[in-house]
Amino acid sequence: MRTFNLRATDEYIKLGQVLKAVGFVESGVDAKDVILQGMVQVNGEVVYQRGKKCYDGDVITFEEQSLLIKK
């Protein structure tokens, strides 16, 4: 499992932003597409909101890859 470290000043990161930041997708448009297709899970539940806020401890799963959000 990979990890993504939030900046010290941030409480959360939006789902579309983190998918792009870690290279799961190439662009914000690609992030929107995979999220709307139901291909992304947060903490084991399919999420359809690109703006979903991801906090410390959340686990994002996409194409059999997992990512842990850490503060």
N, C-alpha and C. Protein backbone atom coordinates (compact mmCIF):
# COMPACT_ATOMS: atom_id res chain seq x y z
N MET A 1 0.86 -1.18 0.00
CA MET A 1 0.00 0.00 0.00
C MET A 1 0.90 1.24 0.00
N ARG A 2 0.57 2.15 -0.89
CA ARG A 2 1.28 3.43 -0.95
C ARG A 2 0.67 4.40 0.06
N THR A 3 1.41 5.45 0.36
CA THR A 3 0.88 6.48 1.25
C THR A 3 0.98 7.85 0.57
N PHE A 4 0.07 8.71 0.94
CA PHE A 4 0.08 10.11 0.49
C PHE A 4 0.05 10.96 1.74
N ASN A 5 1.06 11.81 1.89
CA ASN A 5 1.14 12.67 3.07
C ASN A 5 0.51 14.03 2.80
N LEU A 6 -0.48 14.35 3.62
CA LEU A 6 -1.09 15.67 3.55
C LEU A 6 -0.08 16.71 4.04
N ARG A 7 -0.16 17.90 3.49
CA ARG A 7 0.68 18.98 4.00
C ARG A 7 0.25 19.29 5.43
N ALA A 8 1.18 19.77 6.22
CA ALA A 8 0.91 20.04 7.64
C ALA A 8 -0.26 21.00 7.83
N THR A 9 -0.47 21.89 6.87
CA THR A 9 -1.54 22.89 7.00
C THR A 9 -2.88 22.40 6.47
N ASP A 10 -2.91 21.24 5.82
CA ASP A 10 -4.15 20.74 5.21
C ASP A 10 -4.85 19.73 6.11
N GLU A 11 -6.17 19.85 6.19
CA GLU A 11 -7.00 18.89 6.92
C GLU A 11 -7.40 17.73 6.02
N TYR A 12 -7.53 18.01 4.71
CA TYR A 12 -8.01 17.01 3.75
C TYR A 12 -7.48 17.33 2.37
N ILE A 13 -7.71 16.38 1.45
CA ILE A 13 -7.47 16.60 0.02
C ILE A 13 -8.67 16.04 -0.71
N LYS A 14 -9.06 16.68 -1.79
CA LYS A 14 -10.21 16.19 -2.55
C LYS A 14 -9.79 14.97 -3.37
N LEU A 15 -10.72 14.06 -3.54
CA LEU A 15 -10.45 12.78 -4.20
C LEU A 15 -9.85 12.95 -5.58
N GLY A 16 -10.42 13.79 -6.41
CA GLY A 16 -9.89 14.01 -7.75
C GLY A 16 -8.45 14.51 -7.73
N GLN A 17 -8.15 15.37 -6.77
CA GLN A 17 -6.80 15.93 -6.66
C GLN A 17 -5.79 14.87 -6.27
N VAL A 18 -6.15 14.00 -5.34
CA VAL A 18 -5.20 12.98 -4.89
C VAL A 18 -4.96 11.93 -5.97
N LEU A 19 -6.00 11.58 -6.72
CA LEU A 19 -5.80 10.61 -7.82
C LEU A 19 -4.79 11.14 -8.83
N LYS A 20 -4.89 12.42 -9.11
CA LYS A 20 -3.97 13.05 -10.04
C LYS A 20 -2.58 13.20 -9.42
N ALA A 21 -2.49 13.60 -8.17
CA ALA A 21 -1.22 13.84 -7.50
C ALA A 21 -0.34 12.59 -7.42
N VAL A 22 -0.96 11.43 -7.23
CA VAL A 22 -0.16 10.20 -7.10
C VAL A 22 0.03 9.48 -8.43
N GLY A 23 -0.56 10.03 -9.48
CA GLY A 23 -0.36 9.44 -10.80
C GLY A 23 -1.30 8.31 -11.15
N PHE A 24 -2.38 8.14 -10.40
CA PHE A 24 -3.37 7.12 -10.75
C PHE A 24 -4.06 7.50 -12.07
N VAL A 25 -4.20 8.81 -12.30
CA VAL A 25 -4.78 9.33 -13.55
C VAL A 25 -3.89 10.47 -14.04
N GLU A 26 -4.05 10.82 -15.32
CA GLU A 26 -3.23 11.87 -15.93
C GLU A 26 -3.75 13.29 -15.68
N SER A 27 -5.07 13.43 -15.59
CA SER A 27 -5.64 14.77 -15.50
C SER A 27 -6.90 14.78 -14.64
N GLY A 28 -7.37 15.97 -14.36
CA GLY A 28 -8.62 16.12 -13.62
C GLY A 28 -9.81 15.54 -14.37
N VAL A 29 -9.78 15.65 -15.69
CA VAL A 29 -10.86 15.07 -16.52
C VAL A 29 -10.86 13.56 -16.39
N ASP A 30 -9.67 12.95 -16.41
CA ASP A 30 -9.58 11.50 -16.23
C ASP A 30 -10.06 11.09 -14.85
N ALA A 31 -9.72 11.88 -13.84
CA ALA A 31 -10.18 11.58 -12.47
C ALA A 31 -11.70 11.61 -12.42
N LYS A 32 -12.29 12.63 -13.01
CA LYS A 32 -13.76 12.74 -13.03
C LYS A 32 -14.37 11.51 -13.69
N ASP A 33 -13.80 11.09 -14.81
CA ASP A 33 -14.34 9.94 -15.54
C ASP A 33 -14.29 8.66 -14.73
N VAL A 34 -13.14 8.34 -14.13
CA VAL A 34 -13.04 7.08 -13.39
C VAL A 34 -13.90 7.11 -12.13
N ILE A 35 -14.05 8.28 -11.52
CA ILE A 35 -14.90 8.39 -10.34
C ILE A 35 -16.37 8.18 -10.73
N LEU A 36 -16.82 8.85 -11.79
CA LEU A 36 -18.21 8.72 -12.23
C LEU A 36 -18.54 7.31 -12.72
N GLN A 37 -17.53 6.58 -13.18
CA GLN A 37 -17.73 5.19 -13.63
C GLN A 37 -17.75 4.20 -12.46
N GLY A 38 -17.55 4.70 -11.25
CA GLY A 38 -17.60 3.84 -10.07
C GLY A 38 -16.35 3.00 -9.88
N MET A 39 -15.23 3.47 -10.41
CA MET A 39 -13.99 2.70 -10.35
C MET A 39 -13.14 3.02 -9.12
N VAL A 40 -13.59 3.94 -8.27
CA VAL A 40 -12.79 4.38 -7.12
C VAL A 40 -13.57 4.12 -5.84
N GLN A 41 -12.85 3.58 -4.84
CA GLN A 41 -13.45 3.35 -3.53
C GLN A 41 -12.68 4.15 -2.48
N VAL A 42 -13.42 4.64 -1.50
CA VAL A 42 -12.82 5.27 -0.33
C VAL A 42 -13.32 4.47 0.87
N ASN A 43 -12.38 3.91 1.61
CA ASN A 43 -12.70 3.08 2.77
C ASN A 43 -13.67 1.95 2.43
N GLY A 44 -13.47 1.35 1.25
CA GLY A 44 -14.25 0.19 0.84
C GLY A 44 -15.59 0.49 0.20
N GLU A 45 -15.95 1.75 0.07
CA GLU A 45 -17.22 2.12 -0.54
C GLU A 45 -16.99 2.88 -1.83
N VAL A 46 -17.73 2.53 -2.87
CA VAL A 46 -17.63 3.23 -4.14
C VAL A 46 -18.09 4.67 -3.95
N VAL A 47 -17.31 5.59 -4.50
CA VAL A 47 -17.61 7.02 -4.38
C VAL A 47 -17.80 7.60 -5.77
N TYR A 48 -18.81 8.44 -5.93
CA TYR A 48 -19.10 9.07 -7.22
C TYR A 48 -18.88 10.58 -7.19
N GLN A 49 -18.29 11.10 -6.10
CA GLN A 49 -18.08 12.54 -5.95
C GLN A 49 -16.60 12.87 -6.14
N ARG A 50 -16.29 13.60 -7.15
CA ARG A 50 -14.90 14.00 -7.40
C ARG A 50 -14.39 14.89 -6.28
N GLY A 51 -15.27 15.67 -5.67
CA GLY A 51 -14.88 16.58 -4.60
C GLY A 51 -14.93 15.96 -3.21
N LYS A 52 -15.10 14.65 -3.13
CA LYS A 52 -15.12 13.96 -1.83
C LYS A 52 -13.85 14.31 -1.05
N LYS A 53 -14.00 14.72 0.19
CA LYS A 53 -12.85 15.09 1.02
C LYS A 53 -12.25 13.84 1.63
N CYS A 54 -10.94 13.68 1.45
CA CYS A 54 -10.22 12.53 1.99
C CYS A 54 -9.35 13.01 3.14
N TYR A 55 -9.51 12.36 4.29
CA TYR A 55 -8.83 12.77 5.51
C TYR A 55 -7.79 11.74 5.93
N ASP A 56 -7.01 12.10 6.93
CA ASP A 56 -6.02 11.22 7.53
C ASP A 56 -6.66 9.86 7.88
N GLY A 57 -6.05 8.80 7.41
CA GLY A 57 -6.54 7.45 7.70
C GLY A 57 -7.43 6.87 6.62
N ASP A 58 -7.91 7.68 5.69
CA ASP A 58 -8.73 7.15 4.60
C ASP A 58 -7.88 6.31 3.65
N VAL A 59 -8.50 5.25 3.12
CA VAL A 59 -7.84 4.39 2.15
C VAL A 59 -8.59 4.49 0.82
N ILE A 60 -7.86 4.86 -0.22
CA ILE A 60 -8.43 4.98 -1.56
C ILE A 60 -7.97 3.78 -2.37
N THR A 61 -8.91 3.15 -3.07
CA THR A 61 -8.58 2.00 -3.91
C THR A 61 -9.00 2.29 -5.34
N PHE A 62 -8.07 2.03 -6.27
CA PHE A 62 -8.32 2.23 -7.69
C PHE A 62 -7.51 1.20 -8.46
N GLU A 63 -8.18 0.41 -9.31
CA GLU A 63 -7.53 -0.61 -10.13
C GLU A 63 -6.56 -1.46 -9.33
N GLU A 64 -7.04 -2.03 -8.23
CA GLU A 64 -6.26 -2.93 -7.38
C GLU A 64 -5.05 -2.27 -6.74
N GLN A 65 -5.00 -0.95 -6.72
CA GLN A 65 -3.96 -0.21 -6.03
C GLN A 65 -4.61 0.50 -4.84
N SER A 66 -3.91 0.49 -3.71
CA SER A 66 -4.43 1.14 -2.52
C SER A 66 -3.51 2.28 -2.10
N LEU A 67 -4.12 3.29 -1.54
CA LEU A 67 -3.40 4.48 -1.12
C LEU A 67 -3.94 4.92 0.24
N LEU A 68 -3.04 5.09 1.21
CA LEU A 68 -3.41 5.54 2.54
C LEU A 68 -3.10 7.02 2.66
N ILE A 69 -4.08 7.80 3.12
CA ILE A 69 -3.88 9.22 3.36
C ILE A 69 -3.35 9.39 4.77
N LYS A 70 -2.24 10.11 4.91
CA LYS A 70 -1.64 10.33 6.22
C LYS A 70 -1.42 11.82 6.45
N LYS A 71 -1.54 12.23 7.68
CA LYS A 71 -1.32 13.63 8.08
C LYS A 71 0.14 13.81 8.42
